[in-house]
Amino acid sequence: MEKQKTNQLKSEFFTLEELTKSSTAKRLMINNTPNAEILKNLQYGVDMVLDPLRRIIQKPIIITSGYRCEKLNKAVGGVANSWHQQGNAADIHITNEENAREIFEILKTLPSVDTILFEHSSNSQWIHVQWNMAKTPRHHYNFNFKAP
């Protein structure tokens, strides 16, 4: 197997930049570069969740939040134990409830998915998906989740 560079991600559809970008990090000058361990987690998520989802849905997927270092996670109001901090989660942009249900139902069919949440705030909505290659997936799904 080819040795992966620490700043690269192998994916048919996604880039490391997509999974680490943050306007908050840019504004606050927070370095959100993942280390090698986090990159392995992101690679697993791409291989087992995000690329398969993209292949099935056959439409572009926009990641609104992927990896968040601890400082960035605090800055955006993420929960202290957020899976984003380990590179084990992604938030997916949705356009409407129909789009959300389609993504949600596809993700439910992927065996490596641990949790899927339909989250929303007063001005936004998204699908949160998480994975962990070191743990057996719990297959926890909640379509009525209310974000704080």
N, C-alpha and C. Protein backbone atom coordinates (compact mmCIF):
# COMPACT_ATOMS: atom_id res chain seq x y z
N MET A 1 0.85 -1.19 0.00
CA MET A 1 0.00 0.00 0.00
C MET A 1 0.88 1.24 0.00
N GLU A 2 0.53 2.19 -0.81
CA GLU A 2 1.30 3.43 -0.92
C GLU A 2 1.22 4.23 0.37
N LYS A 3 2.36 4.74 0.81
CA LYS A 3 2.38 5.52 2.04
C LYS A 3 1.73 6.88 1.78
N GLN A 4 0.81 7.23 2.65
CA GLN A 4 0.06 8.47 2.50
C GLN A 4 0.80 9.63 3.17
N LYS A 5 0.89 10.74 2.48
CA LYS A 5 1.50 11.93 3.07
C LYS A 5 0.55 12.50 4.11
N THR A 6 1.11 13.13 5.13
CA THR A 6 0.27 13.63 6.22
C THR A 6 -0.65 14.78 5.80
N ASN A 7 -0.39 15.40 4.66
CA ASN A 7 -1.23 16.53 4.26
C ASN A 7 -2.15 16.18 3.09
N GLN A 8 -2.32 14.89 2.83
CA GLN A 8 -3.14 14.50 1.70
C GLN A 8 -4.24 13.54 2.13
N LEU A 9 -5.25 13.50 1.31
CA LEU A 9 -6.37 12.61 1.51
C LEU A 9 -6.65 11.97 0.17
N LYS A 10 -6.87 10.67 0.15
CA LYS A 10 -7.20 10.00 -1.10
C LYS A 10 -8.71 9.83 -1.15
N SER A 11 -9.31 10.44 -2.15
CA SER A 11 -10.75 10.38 -2.29
C SER A 11 -11.12 10.61 -3.74
N GLU A 12 -12.18 9.95 -4.15
CA GLU A 12 -12.71 10.15 -5.48
C GLU A 12 -13.41 11.51 -5.59
N PHE A 13 -13.95 12.00 -4.47
CA PHE A 13 -14.81 13.18 -4.52
C PHE A 13 -14.42 14.33 -3.59
N PHE A 14 -13.65 14.07 -2.54
CA PHE A 14 -13.41 15.08 -1.50
C PHE A 14 -11.93 15.39 -1.35
N THR A 15 -11.65 16.60 -0.88
CA THR A 15 -10.27 17.01 -0.61
C THR A 15 -10.10 17.26 0.88
N LEU A 16 -8.87 17.22 1.33
CA LEU A 16 -8.58 17.54 2.73
C LEU A 16 -9.03 18.96 3.04
N GLU A 17 -8.85 19.86 2.09
CA GLU A 17 -9.28 21.25 2.30
C GLU A 17 -10.78 21.33 2.60
N GLU A 18 -11.58 20.55 1.90
CA GLU A 18 -13.03 20.54 2.14
C GLU A 18 -13.36 20.07 3.55
N LEU A 19 -12.57 19.14 4.07
CA LEU A 19 -12.85 18.56 5.37
C LEU A 19 -12.21 19.32 6.52
N THR A 20 -11.47 20.38 6.22
CA THR A 20 -10.82 21.17 7.29
C THR A 20 -11.12 22.65 7.18
N LYS A 21 -11.76 23.08 6.10
CA LYS A 21 -12.00 24.51 5.91
C LYS A 21 -12.95 25.07 6.96
N SER A 22 -12.72 26.33 7.30
CA SER A 22 -13.58 26.99 8.27
C SER A 22 -13.38 28.50 8.16
N SER A 23 -14.47 29.21 7.92
CA SER A 23 -14.37 30.67 7.87
C SER A 23 -14.03 31.22 9.26
N THR A 24 -14.48 30.54 10.30
CA THR A 24 -14.16 30.95 11.67
C THR A 24 -12.67 30.79 11.93
N ALA A 25 -12.10 29.67 11.52
CA ALA A 25 -10.65 29.45 11.70
C ALA A 25 -9.87 30.52 10.94
N LYS A 26 -10.30 30.81 9.74
CA LYS A 26 -9.61 31.83 8.93
C LYS A 26 -9.69 33.20 9.61
N ARG A 27 -10.89 33.56 10.06
CA ARG A 27 -11.10 34.86 10.69
C ARG A 27 -10.30 35.01 11.98
N LEU A 28 -10.26 33.92 12.77
CA LEU A 28 -9.57 33.97 14.06
C LEU A 28 -8.11 33.49 13.98
N MET A 29 -7.67 33.18 12.76
CA MET A 29 -6.30 32.70 12.52
C MET A 29 -5.98 31.46 13.36
N ILE A 30 -6.89 30.49 13.33
CA ILE A 30 -6.72 29.21 14.04
C ILE A 30 -6.17 28.20 13.04
N ASN A 31 -5.07 27.55 13.42
CA ASN A 31 -4.50 26.51 12.58
C ASN A 31 -5.32 25.24 12.77
N ASN A 32 -6.04 24.85 11.72
CA ASN A 32 -6.92 23.68 11.79
C ASN A 32 -6.34 22.51 10.98
N THR A 33 -5.02 22.37 10.99
CA THR A 33 -4.36 21.30 10.25
C THR A 33 -4.38 20.01 11.08
N PRO A 34 -4.91 18.93 10.52
CA PRO A 34 -4.97 17.68 11.28
C PRO A 34 -3.61 16.99 11.36
N ASN A 35 -3.39 16.28 12.47
CA ASN A 35 -2.17 15.48 12.58
C ASN A 35 -2.39 14.14 11.88
N ALA A 36 -1.38 13.28 11.89
CA ALA A 36 -1.46 12.01 11.17
C ALA A 36 -2.58 11.11 11.67
N GLU A 37 -2.80 11.06 12.98
CA GLU A 37 -3.87 10.22 13.54
C GLU A 37 -5.24 10.71 13.09
N ILE A 38 -5.44 12.00 13.13
CA ILE A 38 -6.73 12.56 12.69
C ILE A 38 -6.91 12.36 11.19
N LEU A 39 -5.84 12.48 10.44
CA LEU A 39 -5.92 12.24 9.00
C LEU A 39 -6.35 10.81 8.71
N LYS A 40 -5.87 9.84 9.49
CA LYS A 40 -6.30 8.45 9.32
C LYS A 40 -7.80 8.32 9.56
N ASN A 41 -8.32 9.02 10.57
CA ASN A 41 -9.76 9.00 10.85
C ASN A 41 -10.55 9.62 9.71
N LEU A 42 -10.06 10.74 9.19
CA LEU A 42 -10.72 11.38 8.06
C LEU A 42 -10.71 10.46 6.84
N GLN A 43 -9.57 9.80 6.61
CA GLN A 43 -9.46 8.89 5.47
C GLN A 43 -10.47 7.75 5.60
N TYR A 44 -10.61 7.20 6.81
CA TYR A 44 -11.60 6.15 7.05
C TYR A 44 -13.00 6.68 6.74
N GLY A 45 -13.32 7.88 7.20
CA GLY A 45 -14.63 8.46 6.95
C GLY A 45 -14.90 8.67 5.48
N VAL A 46 -13.89 9.09 4.75
CA VAL A 46 -14.03 9.27 3.31
C VAL A 46 -14.23 7.91 2.64
N ASP A 47 -13.40 6.93 3.00
CA ASP A 47 -13.46 5.61 2.37
C ASP A 47 -14.77 4.88 2.66
N MET A 48 -15.24 4.97 3.91
CA MET A 48 -16.35 4.14 4.36
C MET A 48 -17.71 4.85 4.39
N VAL A 49 -17.70 6.18 4.36
CA VAL A 49 -18.96 6.92 4.51
C VAL A 49 -19.17 7.94 3.38
N LEU A 50 -18.27 8.90 3.26
CA LEU A 50 -18.51 10.02 2.36
C LEU A 50 -18.43 9.65 0.88
N ASP A 51 -17.37 8.95 0.46
CA ASP A 51 -17.30 8.53 -0.94
C ASP A 51 -18.45 7.58 -1.30
N PRO A 52 -18.75 6.57 -0.46
CA PRO A 52 -19.91 5.71 -0.80
C PRO A 52 -21.23 6.49 -0.90
N LEU A 53 -21.45 7.43 0.01
CA LEU A 53 -22.65 8.27 -0.06
C LEU A 53 -22.69 9.01 -1.39
N ARG A 54 -21.59 9.60 -1.77
CA ARG A 54 -21.52 10.38 -3.01
C ARG A 54 -21.76 9.50 -4.23
N ARG A 55 -21.21 8.27 -4.21
CA ARG A 55 -21.43 7.34 -5.33
C ARG A 55 -22.91 6.98 -5.46
N ILE A 56 -23.56 6.75 -4.34
CA ILE A 56 -24.97 6.35 -4.35
C ILE A 56 -25.87 7.51 -4.75
N ILE A 57 -25.63 8.67 -4.18
CA ILE A 57 -26.53 9.81 -4.42
C ILE A 57 -26.33 10.43 -5.81
N GLN A 58 -25.15 10.25 -6.36
CA GLN A 58 -24.81 10.74 -7.70
C GLN A 58 -25.04 12.24 -7.88
N LYS A 59 -24.78 12.99 -6.80
CA LYS A 59 -24.86 14.45 -6.83
C LYS A 59 -23.75 14.98 -5.93
N PRO A 60 -23.26 16.18 -6.20
CA PRO A 60 -22.25 16.76 -5.30
C PRO A 60 -22.76 16.88 -3.86
N ILE A 61 -21.84 16.72 -2.93
CA ILE A 61 -22.14 16.86 -1.51
C ILE A 61 -21.24 17.94 -0.95
N ILE A 62 -21.83 18.87 -0.23
CA ILE A 62 -21.07 19.96 0.38
C ILE A 62 -20.88 19.68 1.86
N ILE A 63 -19.62 19.60 2.27
CA ILE A 63 -19.30 19.42 3.69
C ILE A 63 -19.20 20.80 4.31
N THR A 64 -20.05 21.09 5.28
CA THR A 64 -20.03 22.41 5.92
C THR A 64 -19.11 22.43 7.13
N SER A 65 -18.83 21.26 7.71
CA SER A 65 -17.89 21.16 8.82
C SER A 65 -17.37 19.74 8.89
N GLY A 66 -16.06 19.62 8.90
CA GLY A 66 -15.43 18.32 9.04
C GLY A 66 -14.58 18.34 10.30
N TYR A 67 -13.27 18.20 10.12
CA TYR A 67 -12.37 18.24 11.27
C TYR A 67 -12.35 19.64 11.88
N ARG A 68 -12.40 19.67 13.22
CA ARG A 68 -12.25 20.94 13.97
C ARG A 68 -11.29 20.69 15.13
N CYS A 69 -10.19 21.42 15.14
CA CYS A 69 -9.28 21.32 16.28
C CYS A 69 -10.03 21.84 17.52
N GLU A 70 -9.49 21.58 18.70
CA GLU A 70 -10.17 21.95 19.95
C GLU A 70 -10.48 23.44 20.01
N LYS A 71 -9.52 24.26 19.62
CA LYS A 71 -9.72 25.72 19.67
C LYS A 71 -10.84 26.15 18.71
N LEU A 72 -10.87 25.58 17.53
CA LEU A 72 -11.92 25.91 16.56
C LEU A 72 -13.27 25.38 17.05
N ASN A 73 -13.27 24.18 17.59
CA ASN A 73 -14.51 23.61 18.10
C ASN A 73 -15.13 24.52 19.16
N LYS A 74 -14.31 25.04 20.06
CA LYS A 74 -14.80 25.98 21.08
C LYS A 74 -15.32 27.26 20.43
N ALA A 75 -14.59 27.76 19.44
CA ALA A 75 -14.95 29.01 18.78
C ALA A 75 -16.30 28.93 18.07
N VAL A 76 -16.64 27.75 17.55
CA VAL A 76 -17.92 27.60 16.84
C VAL A 76 -19.04 27.09 17.74
N GLY A 77 -18.74 26.90 19.03
CA GLY A 77 -19.76 26.46 19.97
C GLY A 77 -20.04 24.97 19.92
N GLY A 78 -19.07 24.18 19.44
CA GLY A 78 -19.24 22.72 19.41
C GLY A 78 -19.22 22.13 20.80
N VAL A 79 -19.84 20.98 20.97
CA VAL A 79 -19.83 20.32 22.27
C VAL A 79 -18.41 19.87 22.60
N ALA A 80 -18.08 19.81 23.89
CA ALA A 80 -16.72 19.52 24.34
C ALA A 80 -16.20 18.17 23.84
N ASN A 81 -17.08 17.19 23.72
CA ASN A 81 -16.65 15.86 23.27
C ASN A 81 -16.99 15.61 21.79
N SER A 82 -17.03 16.66 20.99
CA SER A 82 -17.39 16.55 19.58
C SER A 82 -16.49 15.58 18.83
N TRP A 83 -17.12 14.72 18.04
CA TRP A 83 -16.39 13.77 17.21
C TRP A 83 -15.63 14.49 16.10
N HIS A 84 -16.03 15.72 15.80
CA HIS A 84 -15.31 16.52 14.79
C HIS A 84 -13.85 16.70 15.21
N GLN A 85 -13.58 16.78 16.50
CA GLN A 85 -12.22 17.03 16.99
C GLN A 85 -11.27 15.88 16.72
N GLN A 86 -11.81 14.70 16.48
CA GLN A 86 -10.97 13.53 16.18
C GLN A 86 -10.98 13.18 14.69
N GLY A 87 -11.66 14.00 13.89
CA GLY A 87 -11.76 13.69 12.47
C GLY A 87 -12.74 12.56 12.19
N ASN A 88 -13.70 12.38 13.10
CA ASN A 88 -14.67 11.29 13.00
C ASN A 88 -16.08 11.76 12.69
N ALA A 89 -16.22 12.97 12.14
CA ALA A 89 -17.56 13.47 11.84
C ALA A 89 -17.52 14.48 10.70
N ALA A 90 -18.66 14.61 10.05
CA ALA A 90 -18.83 15.64 9.03
C ALA A 90 -20.27 16.12 9.06
N ASP A 91 -20.44 17.40 8.78
CA ASP A 91 -21.77 17.98 8.63
C ASP A 91 -21.98 18.22 7.14
N ILE A 92 -23.14 17.79 6.65
CA ILE A 92 -23.46 17.84 5.23
C ILE A 92 -24.56 18.86 4.98
N HIS A 93 -24.32 19.75 4.04
CA HIS A 93 -25.30 20.76 3.65
C HIS A 93 -26.51 20.07 3.02
N ILE A 94 -27.68 20.53 3.42
CA ILE A 94 -28.91 20.04 2.80
C ILE A 94 -29.71 21.23 2.29
N THR A 95 -30.50 20.98 1.25
CA THR A 95 -31.26 22.08 0.65
C THR A 95 -32.69 22.14 1.14
N ASN A 96 -33.25 20.98 1.52
CA ASN A 96 -34.63 20.94 2.01
C ASN A 96 -34.86 19.60 2.72
N GLU A 97 -36.04 19.40 3.24
CA GLU A 97 -36.32 18.18 3.98
C GLU A 97 -36.23 16.94 3.11
N GLU A 98 -36.66 17.04 1.87
CA GLU A 98 -36.58 15.90 0.95
C GLU A 98 -35.12 15.49 0.75
N ASN A 99 -34.25 16.47 0.51
CA ASN A 99 -32.82 16.22 0.35
C ASN A 99 -32.24 15.61 1.63
N ALA A 100 -32.66 16.14 2.78
CA ALA A 100 -32.18 15.63 4.07
C ALA A 100 -32.59 14.17 4.25
N ARG A 101 -33.84 13.85 3.93
CA ARG A 101 -34.32 12.47 4.09
C ARG A 101 -33.58 11.51 3.16
N GLU A 102 -33.31 11.96 1.94
CA GLU A 102 -32.59 11.12 0.98
C GLU A 102 -31.19 10.78 1.50
N ILE A 103 -30.45 11.79 1.95
CA ILE A 103 -29.11 11.58 2.49
C ILE A 103 -29.17 10.72 3.74
N PHE A 104 -30.10 11.04 4.62
CA PHE A 104 -30.28 10.30 5.88
C PHE A 104 -30.51 8.81 5.61
N GLU A 105 -31.42 8.51 4.68
CA GLU A 105 -31.77 7.11 4.39
C GLU A 105 -30.59 6.37 3.75
N ILE A 106 -29.84 7.02 2.89
CA ILE A 106 -28.67 6.38 2.28
C ILE A 106 -27.63 6.10 3.35
N LEU A 107 -27.35 7.08 4.20
CA LEU A 107 -26.36 6.89 5.25
C LEU A 107 -26.72 5.73 6.17
N LYS A 108 -28.01 5.53 6.41
CA LYS A 108 -28.46 4.42 7.27
C LYS A 108 -28.07 3.07 6.70
N THR A 109 -27.87 2.97 5.39
CA THR A 109 -27.52 1.69 4.77
C THR A 109 -26.02 1.40 4.83
N LEU A 110 -25.21 2.36 5.22
CA LEU A 110 -23.76 2.17 5.23
C LEU A 110 -23.33 1.58 6.58
N PRO A 111 -22.71 0.40 6.58
CA PRO A 111 -22.42 -0.30 7.83
C PRO A 111 -21.44 0.41 8.76
N SER A 112 -20.60 1.28 8.27
CA SER A 112 -19.59 1.93 9.13
C SER A 112 -20.09 3.20 9.81
N VAL A 113 -21.31 3.60 9.50
CA VAL A 113 -21.87 4.81 10.11
C VAL A 113 -22.24 4.54 11.56
N ASP A 114 -21.75 5.38 12.47
CA ASP A 114 -22.08 5.25 13.88
C ASP A 114 -23.36 6.01 14.21
N THR A 115 -23.42 7.28 13.81
CA THR A 115 -24.54 8.15 14.17
C THR A 115 -24.89 9.06 13.01
N ILE A 116 -26.18 9.29 12.83
CA ILE A 116 -26.67 10.27 11.86
C ILE A 116 -27.69 11.13 12.59
N LEU A 117 -27.51 12.42 12.51
CA LEU A 117 -28.46 13.36 13.13
C LEU A 117 -28.89 14.40 12.11
N PHE A 118 -30.19 14.64 12.02
CA PHE A 118 -30.68 15.80 11.28
C PHE A 118 -30.70 16.92 12.30
N GLU A 119 -29.85 17.90 12.09
CA GLU A 119 -29.73 19.00 13.05
C GLU A 119 -30.19 20.30 12.40
N HIS A 120 -30.68 21.20 13.23
CA HIS A 120 -31.08 22.50 12.73
C HIS A 120 -31.00 23.53 13.84
N SER A 121 -30.77 24.75 13.40
CA SER A 121 -30.78 25.88 14.33
C SER A 121 -31.80 26.86 13.80
N SER A 122 -31.83 28.06 14.33
CA SER A 122 -32.83 29.03 13.88
C SER A 122 -32.62 29.44 12.42
N ASN A 123 -31.39 29.31 11.91
CA ASN A 123 -31.15 29.78 10.55
C ASN A 123 -30.43 28.77 9.65
N SER A 124 -30.31 27.53 10.09
CA SER A 124 -29.57 26.55 9.29
C SER A 124 -30.03 25.13 9.61
N GLN A 125 -29.76 24.23 8.68
CA GLN A 125 -30.05 22.82 8.92
C GLN A 125 -29.00 22.00 8.19
N TRP A 126 -28.67 20.81 8.74
CA TRP A 126 -27.63 19.98 8.17
C TRP A 126 -27.79 18.55 8.66
N ILE A 127 -27.09 17.64 7.98
CA ILE A 127 -27.00 16.25 8.43
C ILE A 127 -25.62 16.08 9.05
N HIS A 128 -25.59 15.60 10.29
CA HIS A 128 -24.34 15.29 10.98
C HIS A 128 -24.16 13.78 10.90
N VAL A 129 -23.00 13.34 10.43
CA VAL A 129 -22.70 11.90 10.36
C VAL A 129 -21.37 11.65 11.05
N GLN A 130 -21.30 10.55 11.80
CA GLN A 130 -20.04 10.24 12.48
C GLN A 130 -19.70 8.76 12.34
N TRP A 131 -18.39 8.50 12.48
CA TRP A 131 -17.81 7.17 12.31
C TRP A 131 -16.63 7.05 13.26
N ASN A 132 -16.21 5.81 13.50
CA ASN A 132 -15.02 5.58 14.32
C ASN A 132 -14.50 4.20 13.99
N MET A 133 -13.34 4.13 13.33
CA MET A 133 -12.82 2.83 12.91
C MET A 133 -12.41 1.96 14.08
N ALA A 134 -12.24 2.54 15.27
CA ALA A 134 -11.81 1.77 16.45
C ALA A 134 -12.97 1.22 17.27
N LYS A 135 -14.20 1.56 16.91
CA LYS A 135 -15.36 1.13 17.69
C LYS A 135 -16.42 0.52 16.78
N THR A 136 -17.19 -0.39 17.33
CA THR A 136 -18.31 -0.96 16.60
C THR A 136 -19.39 0.11 16.45
N PRO A 137 -19.85 0.36 15.22
CA PRO A 137 -20.89 1.37 15.02
C PRO A 137 -22.15 1.07 15.83
N ARG A 138 -22.70 2.13 16.45
CA ARG A 138 -23.93 1.99 17.25
C ARG A 138 -25.19 2.07 16.40
N HIS A 139 -25.06 2.59 15.18
CA HIS A 139 -26.20 2.78 14.28
C HIS A 139 -27.30 3.59 14.98
N HIS A 140 -26.91 4.74 15.50
CA HIS A 140 -27.83 5.65 16.17
C HIS A 140 -28.30 6.68 15.14
N TYR A 141 -29.62 6.77 14.95
CA TYR A 141 -30.18 7.66 13.95
C TYR A 141 -31.27 8.52 14.59
N ASN A 142 -31.21 9.83 14.36
CA ASN A 142 -32.24 10.72 14.89
C ASN A 142 -32.55 11.79 13.87
N PHE A 143 -33.71 11.72 13.27
CA PHE A 143 -34.09 12.71 12.27
C PHE A 143 -34.77 13.93 12.87
N ASN A 144 -35.09 13.91 14.14
CA ASN A 144 -35.78 15.03 14.76
C ASN A 144 -34.91 15.78 15.74
N PHE A 145 -33.60 15.65 15.61
CA PHE A 145 -32.69 16.28 16.55
C PHE A 145 -32.75 17.80 16.43
N LYS A 146 -32.79 18.49 17.56
CA LYS A 146 -32.81 19.95 17.59
C LYS A 146 -31.46 20.45 18.09
N ALA A 147 -30.76 21.16 17.23
CA ALA A 147 -29.46 21.71 17.62
C ALA A 147 -29.66 22.81 18.65
N PRO A 148 -28.69 22.96 19.59
CA PRO A 148 -28.83 24.01 20.60
C PRO A 148 -28.76 25.41 20.02
